[in-house]
PDB file of all heavy atoms in Angstrom:
ATOM      1  N   ALA A   1      -6.382   5.858  -0.831  1.00  0.00           N
ATOM      2  CA  ALA A   1      -7.823   6.130  -0.892  1.00  0.00           C
ATOM      3  C   ALA A   1      -8.530   5.857   0.415  1.00  0.00           C
ATOM      4  O   ALA A   1      -9.636   6.351   0.650  1.00  0.00           O
ATOM      5  CB  ALA A   1      -8.465   5.310  -1.995  1.00  0.00           C
ATOM      6  N   THR A   2      -7.906   5.086   1.320  1.00  0.00           N
ATOM      7  CA  THR A   2      -8.537   4.701   2.573  1.00  0.00           C
ATOM      8  C   THR A   2      -7.489   4.726   3.688  1.00  0.00           C
ATOM      9  O   THR A   2      -6.270   4.731   3.414  1.00  0.00           O
ATOM     10  CB  THR A   2      -9.088   3.268   2.491  1.00  0.00           C
ATOM     11  OG1 THR A   2      -8.002   2.337   2.316  1.00  0.00           O
ATOM     12  CG2 THR A   2     -10.065   3.123   1.324  1.00  0.00           C
ATOM     13  N   PRO A   3      -7.901   4.724   4.951  1.00  0.00           N
ATOM     14  CA  PRO A   3      -6.943   4.658   6.049  1.00  0.00           C
ATOM     15  C   PRO A   3      -6.027   3.422   5.934  1.00  0.00           C
ATOM     16  O   PRO A   3      -4.833   3.515   6.235  1.00  0.00           O
ATOM     17  CB  PRO A   3      -7.830   4.576   7.298  1.00  0.00           C
ATOM     18  CG  PRO A   3      -9.049   5.335   6.906  1.00  0.00           C
ATOM     19  CD  PRO A   3      -9.268   4.968   5.460  1.00  0.00           C
ATOM     20  N   PHE A   4      -6.573   2.303   5.505  1.00  0.00           N
ATOM     21  CA  PHE A   4      -5.749   1.109   5.358  1.00  0.00           C
ATOM     22  C   PHE A   4      -4.660   1.330   4.291  1.00  0.00           C
ATOM     23  O   PHE A   4      -3.498   0.976   4.517  1.00  0.00           O
ATOM     24  CB  PHE A   4      -6.601  -0.100   4.955  1.00  0.00           C
ATOM     25  CG  PHE A   4      -5.777  -1.328   4.626  1.00  0.00           C
ATOM     26  CD1 PHE A   4      -5.145  -2.057   5.624  1.00  0.00           C
ATOM     27  CD2 PHE A   4      -5.601  -1.710   3.299  1.00  0.00           C
ATOM     28  CE1 PHE A   4      -4.360  -3.168   5.326  1.00  0.00           C
ATOM     29  CE2 PHE A   4      -4.829  -2.826   2.984  1.00  0.00           C
ATOM     30  CZ  PHE A   4      -4.201  -3.574   3.985  1.00  0.00           C
ATOM     31  N   GLN A   5      -5.035   1.911   3.190  1.00  0.00           N
ATOM     32  CA  GLN A   5      -4.036   2.161   2.135  1.00  0.00           C
ATOM     33  C   GLN A   5      -2.987   3.170   2.586  1.00  0.00           C
ATOM     34  O   GLN A   5      -1.799   3.038   2.249  1.00  0.00           O
ATOM     35  CB  GLN A   5      -4.733   2.592   0.849  1.00  0.00           C
ATOM     36  CG  GLN A   5      -5.562   1.501   0.237  1.00  0.00           C
ATOM     37  CD  GLN A   5      -6.222   1.912  -1.077  1.00  0.00           C
ATOM     38  OE1 GLN A   5      -6.041   3.024  -1.570  1.00  0.00           O
ATOM     39  NE2 GLN A   5      -7.040   1.018  -1.619  1.00  0.00           N
ATOM     40  N   LEU A   6      -3.382   4.169   3.360  1.00  0.00           N
ATOM     41  CA  LEU A   6      -2.409   5.105   3.923  1.00  0.00           C
ATOM     42  C   LEU A   6      -1.452   4.393   4.848  1.00  0.00           C
ATOM     43  O   LEU A   6      -0.242   4.603   4.826  1.00  0.00           O
ATOM     44  CB  LEU A   6      -3.116   6.236   4.684  1.00  0.00           C
ATOM     45  CG  LEU A   6      -2.182   7.192   5.444  1.00  0.00           C
ATOM     46  CD1 LEU A   6      -1.266   7.934   4.498  1.00  0.00           C
ATOM     47  CD2 LEU A   6      -3.000   8.161   6.294  1.00  0.00           C
ATOM     48  N   LEU A   7      -1.985   3.512   5.693  1.00  0.00           N
ATOM     49  CA  LEU A   7      -1.161   2.744   6.606  1.00  0.00           C
ATOM     50  C   LEU A   7      -0.118   1.900   5.851  1.00  0.00           C
ATOM     51  O   LEU A   7       1.063   1.926   6.161  1.00  0.00           O
ATOM     52  CB  LEU A   7      -2.040   1.835   7.453  1.00  0.00           C
ATOM     53  CG  LEU A   7      -1.340   0.849   8.408  1.00  0.00           C
ATOM     54  CD1 LEU A   7      -0.506   1.591   9.433  1.00  0.00           C
ATOM     55  CD2 LEU A   7      -2.350  -0.061   9.096  1.00  0.00           C
ATOM     56  N   VAL A   8      -0.588   1.192   4.813  1.00  0.00           N
ATOM     57  CA  VAL A   8       0.315   0.368   4.001  1.00  0.00           C
ATOM     58  C   VAL A   8       1.370   1.236   3.323  1.00  0.00           C
ATOM     59  O   VAL A   8       2.567   0.923   3.369  1.00  0.00           O
ATOM     60  CB  VAL A   8      -0.485  -0.423   2.955  1.00  0.00           C
ATOM     61  CG1 VAL A   8       0.454  -1.062   1.928  1.00  0.00           C
ATOM     62  CG2 VAL A   8      -1.355  -1.468   3.609  1.00  0.00           C
ATOM     63  N   ALA A   9       0.968   2.332   2.724  1.00  0.00           N
ATOM     64  CA  ALA A   9       1.904   3.200   2.027  1.00  0.00           C
ATOM     65  C   ALA A   9       2.936   3.794   2.984  1.00  0.00           C
ATOM     66  O   ALA A   9       4.113   3.926   2.646  1.00  0.00           O
ATOM     67  CB  ALA A   9       1.155   4.312   1.296  1.00  0.00           C
ATOM     68  N   THR A  10       2.504   4.132   4.185  1.00  0.00           N
ATOM     69  CA  THR A  10       3.428   4.731   5.150  1.00  0.00           C
ATOM     70  C   THR A  10       4.436   3.693   5.655  1.00  0.00           C
ATOM     71  O   THR A  10       5.608   4.020   5.853  1.00  0.00           O
ATOM     72  CB  THR A  10       2.639   5.343   6.330  1.00  0.00           C
ATOM     73  OG1 THR A  10       1.646   6.234   5.840  1.00  0.00           O
ATOM     74  CG2 THR A  10       3.572   6.129   7.247  1.00  0.00           C
ATOM     75  N   VAL A  11       3.996   2.477   5.855  1.00  0.00           N
ATOM     76  CA  VAL A  11       4.911   1.399   6.228  1.00  0.00           C
ATOM     77  C   VAL A  11       5.943   1.203   5.112  1.00  0.00           C
ATOM     78  O   VAL A  11       7.159   1.080   5.362  1.00  0.00           O
ATOM     79  CB  VAL A  11       4.155   0.081   6.480  1.00  0.00           C
ATOM     80  CG1 VAL A  11       5.140  -1.091   6.579  1.00  0.00           C
ATOM     81  CG2 VAL A  11       3.332   0.181   7.751  1.00  0.00           C
ATOM     82  N   LEU A  12       5.507   1.222   3.876  1.00  0.00           N
ATOM     83  CA  LEU A  12       6.424   1.054   2.745  1.00  0.00           C
ATOM     84  C   LEU A  12       7.398   2.220   2.579  1.00  0.00           C
ATOM     85  O   LEU A  12       8.491   2.065   2.057  1.00  0.00           O
ATOM     86  CB  LEU A  12       5.626   0.881   1.449  1.00  0.00           C
ATOM     87  CG  LEU A  12       4.838  -0.422   1.290  1.00  0.00           C
ATOM     88  CD1 LEU A  12       3.983  -0.370   0.019  1.00  0.00           C
ATOM     89  CD2 LEU A  12       5.780  -1.624   1.241  1.00  0.00           C
ATOM     90  N   SER A  13       6.996   3.401   3.063  1.00  0.00           N
ATOM     91  CA  SER A  13       7.803   4.606   2.845  1.00  0.00           C
ATOM     92  C   SER A  13       8.993   4.712   3.784  1.00  0.00           C
ATOM     93  O   SER A  13       9.841   5.581   3.606  1.00  0.00           O
ATOM     94  CB  SER A  13       6.928   5.859   2.998  1.00  0.00           C
ATOM     95  OG  SER A  13       6.578   6.086   4.358  1.00  0.00           O
ATOM     96  N   ALA A  14       9.083   3.838   4.780  1.00  0.00           N
ATOM     97  CA  ALA A  14      10.210   3.895   5.720  1.00  0.00           C
ATOM     98  C   ALA A  14      11.512   3.697   4.965  1.00  0.00           C
ATOM     99  O   ALA A  14      11.705   2.703   4.260  1.00  0.00           O
ATOM    100  CB  ALA A  14      10.054   2.839   6.798  1.00  0.00           C
ATOM    101  N   GLN A  15      12.409   4.697   5.071  1.00  0.00           N
ATOM    102  CA  GLN A  15      13.713   4.666   4.404  1.00  0.00           C
ATOM    103  C   GLN A  15      13.555   4.454   2.889  1.00  0.00           C
ATOM    104  O   GLN A  15      14.356   3.762   2.254  1.00  0.00           O
ATOM    105  CB  GLN A  15      14.626   3.596   5.019  1.00  0.00           C
ATOM    106  CG  GLN A  15      14.961   3.913   6.473  1.00  0.00           C
ATOM    107  CD  GLN A  15      15.860   2.890   7.095  1.00  0.00           C
ATOM    108  OE1 GLN A  15      15.425   1.806   7.468  1.00  0.00           O
ATOM    109  NE2 GLN A  15      17.142   3.207   7.207  1.00  0.00           N
ATOM    110  N   CYS A  16      12.495   5.014   2.352  1.00  0.00           N
ATOM    111  CA  CYS A  16      12.203   4.906   0.932  1.00  0.00           C
ATOM    112  C   CYS A  16      11.503   6.192   0.507  1.00  0.00           C
ATOM    113  O   CYS A  16      10.824   6.816   1.327  1.00  0.00           O
ATOM    114  CB  CYS A  16      11.344   3.680   0.642  1.00  0.00           C
ATOM    115  SG  CYS A  16      11.069   3.335  -1.116  1.00  0.00           S
ATOM    116  N   THR A  17      11.610   6.577  -0.749  1.00  0.00           N
ATOM    117  CA  THR A  17      10.969   7.805  -1.195  1.00  0.00           C
ATOM    118  C   THR A  17       9.471   7.585  -1.452  1.00  0.00           C
ATOM    119  O   THR A  17       9.048   6.491  -1.853  1.00  0.00           O
ATOM    120  CB  THR A  17      11.600   8.330  -2.492  1.00  0.00           C
ATOM    121  OG1 THR A  17      11.365   7.386  -3.551  1.00  0.00           O
ATOM    122  CG2 THR A  17      13.109   8.530  -2.311  1.00  0.00           C
ATOM    123  N   ASP A  18       8.701   8.641  -1.272  1.00  0.00           N
ATOM    124  CA  ASP A  18       7.273   8.574  -1.572  1.00  0.00           C
ATOM    125  C   ASP A  18       7.063   8.270  -3.031  1.00  0.00           C
ATOM    126  O   ASP A  18       6.109   7.571  -3.422  1.00  0.00           O
ATOM    127  CB  ASP A  18       6.567   9.888  -1.189  1.00  0.00           C
ATOM    128  CG  ASP A  18       6.495  10.089   0.305  1.00  0.00           C
ATOM    129  OD1 ASP A  18       6.903   9.184   1.068  1.00  0.00           O
ATOM    130  OD2 ASP A  18       6.034  11.168   0.740  1.00  0.00           O
ATOM    131  N   LYS A  19       7.906   8.838  -3.889  1.00  0.00           N
ATOM    132  CA  LYS A  19       7.800   8.606  -5.342  1.00  0.00           C
ATOM    133  C   LYS A  19       7.884   7.122  -5.660  1.00  0.00           C
ATOM    134  O   LYS A  19       7.095   6.599  -6.442  1.00  0.00           O
ATOM    135  CB  LYS A  19       8.885   9.369  -6.076  1.00  0.00           C
ATOM    136  CG  LYS A  19       8.832   9.222  -7.586  1.00  0.00           C
ATOM    137  CD  LYS A  19       9.920  10.049  -8.263  1.00  0.00           C
ATOM    138  CE  LYS A  19       9.885   9.881  -9.777  1.00  0.00           C
ATOM    139  NZ  LYS A  19      10.940  10.678 -10.444  1.00  0.00           N
ATOM    140  N   ARG A  20       8.839   6.437  -5.052  1.00  0.00           N
ATOM    141  CA  ARG A  20       8.986   5.006  -5.296  1.00  0.00           C
ATOM    142  C   ARG A  20       7.766   4.236  -4.761  1.00  0.00           C
ATOM    143  O   ARG A  20       7.272   3.322  -5.420  1.00  0.00           O
ATOM    144  CB  ARG A  20      10.266   4.510  -4.625  1.00  0.00           C
ATOM    145  CG  ARG A  20      10.438   3.000  -4.557  1.00  0.00           C
ATOM    146  CD  ARG A  20      10.399   2.351  -5.930  1.00  0.00           C
ATOM    147  NE  ARG A  20      11.390   2.875  -6.832  1.00  0.00           N
ATOM    148  CZ  ARG A  20      11.527   2.477  -8.094  1.00  0.00           C
ATOM    149  NH1 ARG A  20      10.681   1.552  -8.603  1.00  0.00           N
ATOM    150  NH2 ARG A  20      12.441   3.005  -8.876  1.00  0.00           N
ATOM    151  N   VAL A  21       7.306   4.608  -3.577  1.00  0.00           N
ATOM    152  CA  VAL A  21       6.128   3.921  -3.010  1.00  0.00           C
ATOM    153  C   VAL A  21       4.931   4.090  -3.921  1.00  0.00           C
ATOM    154  O   VAL A  21       4.175   3.145  -4.176  1.00  0.00           O
ATOM    155  CB  VAL A  21       5.831   4.454  -1.600  1.00  0.00           C
ATOM    156  CG1 VAL A  21       4.511   3.878  -1.072  1.00  0.00           C
ATOM    157  CG2 VAL A  21       6.976   4.107  -0.641  1.00  0.00           C
ATOM    158  N   ASN A  22       4.743   5.305  -4.442  1.00  0.00           N
ATOM    159  CA  ASN A  22       3.607   5.565  -5.320  1.00  0.00           C
ATOM    160  C   ASN A  22       3.695   4.801  -6.633  1.00  0.00           C
ATOM    161  O   ASN A  22       2.694   4.660  -7.338  1.00  0.00           O
ATOM    162  CB  ASN A  22       3.492   7.072  -5.593  1.00  0.00           C
ATOM    163  CG  ASN A  22       3.016   7.861  -4.389  1.00  0.00           C
ATOM    164  OD1 ASN A  22       2.388   7.298  -3.488  1.00  0.00           O
ATOM    165  ND2 ASN A  22       3.308   9.141  -4.364  1.00  0.00           N
ATOM    166  N   MET A  23       4.876   4.305  -6.963  1.00  0.00           N
ATOM    167  CA  MET A  23       5.026   3.510  -8.164  1.00  0.00           C
ATOM    168  C   MET A  23       4.563   2.072  -7.972  1.00  0.00           C
ATOM    169  O   MET A  23       4.132   1.413  -8.929  1.00  0.00           O
ATOM    170  CB  MET A  23       6.490   3.533  -8.622  1.00  0.00           C
ATOM    171  CG  MET A  23       6.958   4.883  -9.139  1.00  0.00           C
ATOM    172  SD  MET A  23       8.761   4.942  -9.465  1.00  0.00           S
ATOM    173  CE  MET A  23       8.876   3.756 -10.819  1.00  0.00           C
ATOM    174  N   VAL A  24       4.655   1.578  -6.738  1.00  0.00           N
ATOM    175  CA  VAL A  24       4.312   0.178  -6.490  1.00  0.00           C
ATOM    176  C   VAL A  24       2.906  -0.022  -5.918  1.00  0.00           C
ATOM    177  O   VAL A  24       2.333  -1.108  -6.072  1.00  0.00           O
ATOM    178  CB  VAL A  24       5.337  -0.495  -5.544  1.00  0.00           C
ATOM    179  CG1 VAL A  24       6.749  -0.323  -6.083  1.00  0.00           C
ATOM    180  CG2 VAL A  24       5.239   0.040  -4.130  1.00  0.00           C
ATOM    181  N   THR A  25       2.343   0.989  -5.278  1.00  0.00           N
ATOM    182  CA  THR A  25       1.056   0.785  -4.628  1.00  0.00           C
ATOM    183  C   THR A  25      -0.159   0.648  -5.566  1.00  0.00           C
ATOM    184  O   THR A  25      -1.124  -0.031  -5.194  1.00  0.00           O
ATOM    185  CB  THR A  25       0.769   1.891  -3.579  1.00  0.00           C
ATOM    186  OG1 THR A  25       0.965   3.174  -4.174  1.00  0.00           O
ATOM    187  CG2 THR A  25       1.685   1.730  -2.382  1.00  0.00           C
ATOM    188  N   PRO A  26      -0.158   1.274  -6.746  1.00  0.00           N
ATOM    189  CA  PRO A  26      -1.345   1.075  -7.605  1.00  0.00           C
ATOM    190  C   PRO A  26      -1.657  -0.405  -7.886  1.00  0.00           C
ATOM    191  O   PRO A  26      -2.803  -0.837  -7.740  1.00  0.00           O
ATOM    192  CB  PRO A  26      -1.000   1.830  -8.887  1.00  0.00           C
ATOM    193  CG  PRO A  26      -0.097   2.933  -8.409  1.00  0.00           C
ATOM    194  CD  PRO A  26       0.743   2.276  -7.355  1.00  0.00           C
ATOM    195  N   ALA A  27      -0.658  -1.172  -8.257  1.00  0.00           N
ATOM    196  CA  ALA A  27      -0.871  -2.590  -8.534  1.00  0.00           C
ATOM    197  C   ALA A  27      -1.205  -3.352  -7.247  1.00  0.00           C
ATOM    198  O   ALA A  27      -2.092  -4.215  -7.224  1.00  0.00           O
ATOM    199  CB  ALA A  27       0.355  -3.195  -9.186  1.00  0.00           C
ATOM    200  N   LEU A  28      -0.518  -2.990  -6.153  1.00  0.00           N
ATOM    201  CA  LEU A  28      -0.775  -3.650  -4.873  1.00  0.00           C
ATOM    202  C   LEU A  28      -2.205  -3.402  -4.416  1.00  0.00           C
ATOM    203  O   LEU A  28      -2.928  -4.332  -4.021  1.00  0.00           O
ATOM    204  CB  LEU A  28       0.228  -3.123  -3.819  1.00  0.00           C
ATOM    205  CG  LEU A  28       0.058  -3.677  -2.398  1.00  0.00           C
ATOM    206  CD1 LEU A  28       0.340  -5.185  -2.363  1.00  0.00           C
ATOM    207  CD2 LEU A  28       0.982  -2.925  -1.430  1.00  0.00           C
ATOM    208  N   PHE A  29      -2.647  -2.156  -4.482  1.00  0.00           N
ATOM    209  CA  PHE A  29      -3.996  -1.815  -4.015  1.00  0.00           C
ATOM    210  C   PHE A  29      -5.087  -2.328  -4.962  1.00  0.00           C
ATOM    211  O   PHE A  29      -6.224  -2.556  -4.550  1.00  0.00           O
ATOM    212  CB  PHE A  29      -4.132  -0.302  -3.812  1.00  0.00           C
ATOM    213  CG  PHE A  29      -3.288   0.230  -2.684  1.00  0.00           C
ATOM    214  CD1 PHE A  29      -2.887   1.561  -2.686  1.00  0.00           C
ATOM    215  CD2 PHE A  29      -2.886  -0.587  -1.635  1.00  0.00           C
ATOM    216  CE1 PHE A  29      -2.126   2.082  -1.658  1.00  0.00           C
ATOM    217  CE2 PHE A  29      -2.115  -0.088  -0.600  1.00  0.00           C
ATOM    218  CZ  PHE A  29      -1.733   1.253  -0.608  1.00  0.00           C
ATOM    219  N   ALA A  30      -4.750  -2.475  -6.225  1.00  0.00           N
ATOM    220  CA  ALA A  30      -5.723  -3.018  -7.166  1.00  0.00           C
ATOM    221  C   ALA A  30      -6.081  -4.457  -6.815  1.00  0.00           C
ATOM    222  O   ALA A  30      -7.237  -4.867  -6.908  1.00  0.00           O
ATOM    223  CB  ALA A  30      -5.177  -2.937  -8.597  1.00  0.00           C
ATOM    224  N   ASP A  31      -5.076  -5.205  -6.385  1.00  0.00           N
ATOM    225  CA  ASP A  31      -5.312  -6.612  -6.025  1.00  0.00           C
ATOM    226  C   ASP A  31      -5.620  -6.837  -4.549  1.00  0.00           C
ATOM    227  O   ASP A  31      -6.307  -7.799  -4.199  1.00  0.00           O
ATOM    228  CB  ASP A  31      -4.078  -7.444  -6.420  1.00  0.00           C
ATOM    229  CG  ASP A  31      -3.885  -7.549  -7.931  1.00  0.00           C
ATOM    230  OD1 ASP A  31      -4.849  -7.250  -8.668  1.00  0.00           O
ATOM    231  OD2 ASP A  31      -2.790  -7.914  -8.367  1.00  0.00           O
ATOM    232  N   TYR A  32      -5.121  -5.931  -3.715  1.00  0.00           N
ATOM    233  CA  TYR A  32      -5.319  -6.063  -2.260  1.00  0.00           C
ATOM    234  C   TYR A  32      -5.734  -4.701  -1.690  1.00  0.00           C
ATOM    235  O   TYR A  32      -4.937  -4.031  -1.031  1.00  0.00           O
ATOM    236  CB  TYR A  32      -4.047  -6.580  -1.589  1.00  0.00           C
ATOM    237  CG  TYR A  32      -3.584  -7.912  -2.132  1.00  0.00           C
ATOM    238  CD1 TYR A  32      -2.577  -7.986  -3.084  1.00  0.00           C
ATOM    239  CD2 TYR A  32      -4.201  -9.105  -1.729  1.00  0.00           C
ATOM    240  CE1 TYR A  32      -2.161  -9.203  -3.610  1.00  0.00           C
ATOM    241  CE2 TYR A  32      -3.801 -10.341  -2.254  1.00  0.00           C
ATOM    242  CZ  TYR A  32      -2.783 -10.360  -3.196  1.00  0.00           C
ATOM    243  OH  TYR A  32      -2.411 -11.582  -3.718  1.00  0.00           O
ATOM    244  N   PRO A  33      -6.953  -4.292  -1.935  1.00  0.00           N
ATOM    245  CA  PRO A  33      -7.394  -2.949  -1.558  1.00  0.00           C
ATOM    246  C   PRO A  33      -7.670  -2.745  -0.086  1.00  0.00           C
ATOM    247  O   PRO A  33      -7.722  -1.608   0.405  1.00  0.00           O
ATOM    248  CB  PRO A  33      -8.689  -2.763  -2.371  1.00  0.00           C
ATOM    249  CG  PRO A  33      -9.216  -4.155  -2.509  1.00  0.00           C
ATOM    250  CD  PRO A  33      -7.997  -5.023  -2.671  1.00  0.00           C
ATOM    251  N   ASP A  34      -7.831  -3.854   0.650  1.00  0.00           N
ATOM    252  CA  ASP A  34      -8.187  -3.703   2.067  1.00  0.00           C
ATOM    253  C   ASP A  34      -7.525  -4.793   2.911  1.00  0.00           C
ATOM    254  O   ASP A  34      -6.846  -5.687   2.371  1.00  0.00           O
ATOM    255  CB  ASP A  34      -9.702  -3.740   2.256  1.00  0.00           C
ATOM    256  CG  ASP A  34     -10.350  -4.951   1.569  1.00  0.00           C
ATOM    257  OD1 ASP A  34      -9.776  -6.057   1.612  1.00  0.00           O
ATOM    258  OD2 ASP A  34     -11.424  -4.770   0.957  1.00  0.00           O
ATOM    259  N   ALA A  35      -7.719  -4.686   4.200  1.00  0.00           N
ATOM    260  CA  ALA A  35      -7.068  -5.614   5.125  1.00  0.00           C
ATOM    261  C   ALA A  35      -7.552  -7.056   4.912  1.00  0.00           C
ATOM    262  O   ALA A  35      -6.772  -8.006   4.990  1.00  0.00           O
ATOM    263  CB  ALA A  35      -7.312  -5.175   6.569  1.00  0.00           C
ATOM    264  N   THR A  36      -8.815  -7.218   4.626  1.00  0.00           N
ATOM    265  CA  THR A  36      -9.353  -8.556   4.467  1.00  0.00           C
ATOM    266  C   THR A  36      -8.732  -9.306   3.303  1.00  0.00           C
ATOM    267  O   THR A  36      -8.389 -10.492   3.424  1.00  0.00           O
ATOM    268  CB  THR A  36     -10.887  -8.480   4.273  1.00  0.00           C
ATOM    269  OG1 THR A  36     -11.480  -7.803   5.383  1.00  0.00           O
ATOM    270  CG2 THR A  36     -11.497  -9.880   4.160  1.00  0.00           C
ATOM    271  N   THR A  37      -8.567  -8.638   2.184  1.00  0.00           N
ATOM    272  CA  THR A  37      -7.944  -9.297   1.040  1.00  0.00           C
ATOM    273  C   THR A  37      -6.471  -9.509   1.254  1.00  0.00           C
ATOM    274  O   THR A  37      -5.930 -10.566   0.917  1.00  0.00           O
ATOM    275  CB  THR A  37      -8.180  -8.479  -0.245  1.00  0.00           C
ATOM    276  OG1 THR A  37      -7.741  -7.122  -0.047  1.00  0.00           O
ATOM    277  CG2 THR A  37      -9.656  -8.474  -0.630  1.00  0.00           C
ATOM    278  N   MET A  38      -5.765  -8.519   1.817  1.00  0.00           N
ATOM    279  CA  MET A  38      -4.333  -8.659   2.003  1.00  0.00           C
ATOM    280  C   MET A  38      -4.025  -9.723   3.056  1.00  0.00           C
ATOM    281  O   MET A  38      -2.969 -10.374   3.019  1.00  0.00           O
ATOM    282  CB  MET A  38      -3.684  -7.327   2.370  1.00  0.00           C
ATOM    283  CG  MET A  38      -2.173  -7.348   2.332  1.00  0.00           C
ATOM    284  SD  MET A  38      -1.381  -5.714   2.579  1.00  0.00           S
ATOM    285  CE  MET A  38      -1.826  -4.892   1.047  1.00  0.00           C
ATOM    286  N   ALA A  39      -4.927  -9.910   4.001  1.00  0.00           N
ATOM    287  CA  ALA A  39      -4.714 -10.921   5.036  1.00  0.00           C
ATOM    288  C   ALA A  39      -4.625 -12.316   4.466  1.00  0.00           C
ATOM    289  O   ALA A  39      -4.062 -13.230   5.091  1.00  0.00           O
ATOM    290  CB  ALA A  39      -5.844 -10.852   6.072  1.00  0.00           C
ATOM    291  N   GLU A  40      -5.195 -12.534   3.290  1.00  0.00           N
ATOM    292  CA  GLU A  40      -5.185 -13.846   2.644  1.00  0.00           C
ATOM    293  C   GLU A  40      -3.907 -14.078   1.839  1.00  0.00           C
ATOM    294  O   GLU A  40      -3.648 -15.201   1.397  1.00  0.00           O
ATOM    295  CB  GLU A  40      -6.402 -13.987   1.720  1.00  0.00           C
ATOM    296  CG  GLU A  40      -7.734 -13.894   2.434  1.00  0.00           C
ATOM    297  CD  GLU A  40      -7.891 -14.952   3.506  1.00  0.00           C
ATOM    298  OE1 GLU A  40      -7.473 -16.086   3.273  1.00  0.00           O
ATOM    299  OE2 GLU A  40      -8.451 -14.623   4.582  1.00  0.00           O
ATOM    300  N   ALA A  41      -3.112 -13.042   1.660  1.00  0.00           N
ATOM    301  CA  ALA A  41      -1.891 -13.167   0.868  1.00  0.00           C
ATOM    302  C   ALA A  41      -0.730 -13.670   1.728  1.00  0.00           C
ATOM    303  O   ALA A  41      -0.784 -13.620   2.955  1.00  0.00           O
ATOM    304  CB  ALA A  41      -1.521 -11.837   0.229  1.00  0.00           C
TER     305      ALA A  41
END
């Protein structure tokens, strides 16, 4: 939904299928939607 989320998804997609990445990012982005929140994890 945002440049940050695209960046995260693209990092996750290295040597991995987009289908698999799309399975894990909904929960990840729900809890850590932006850099500020993920920086605290």
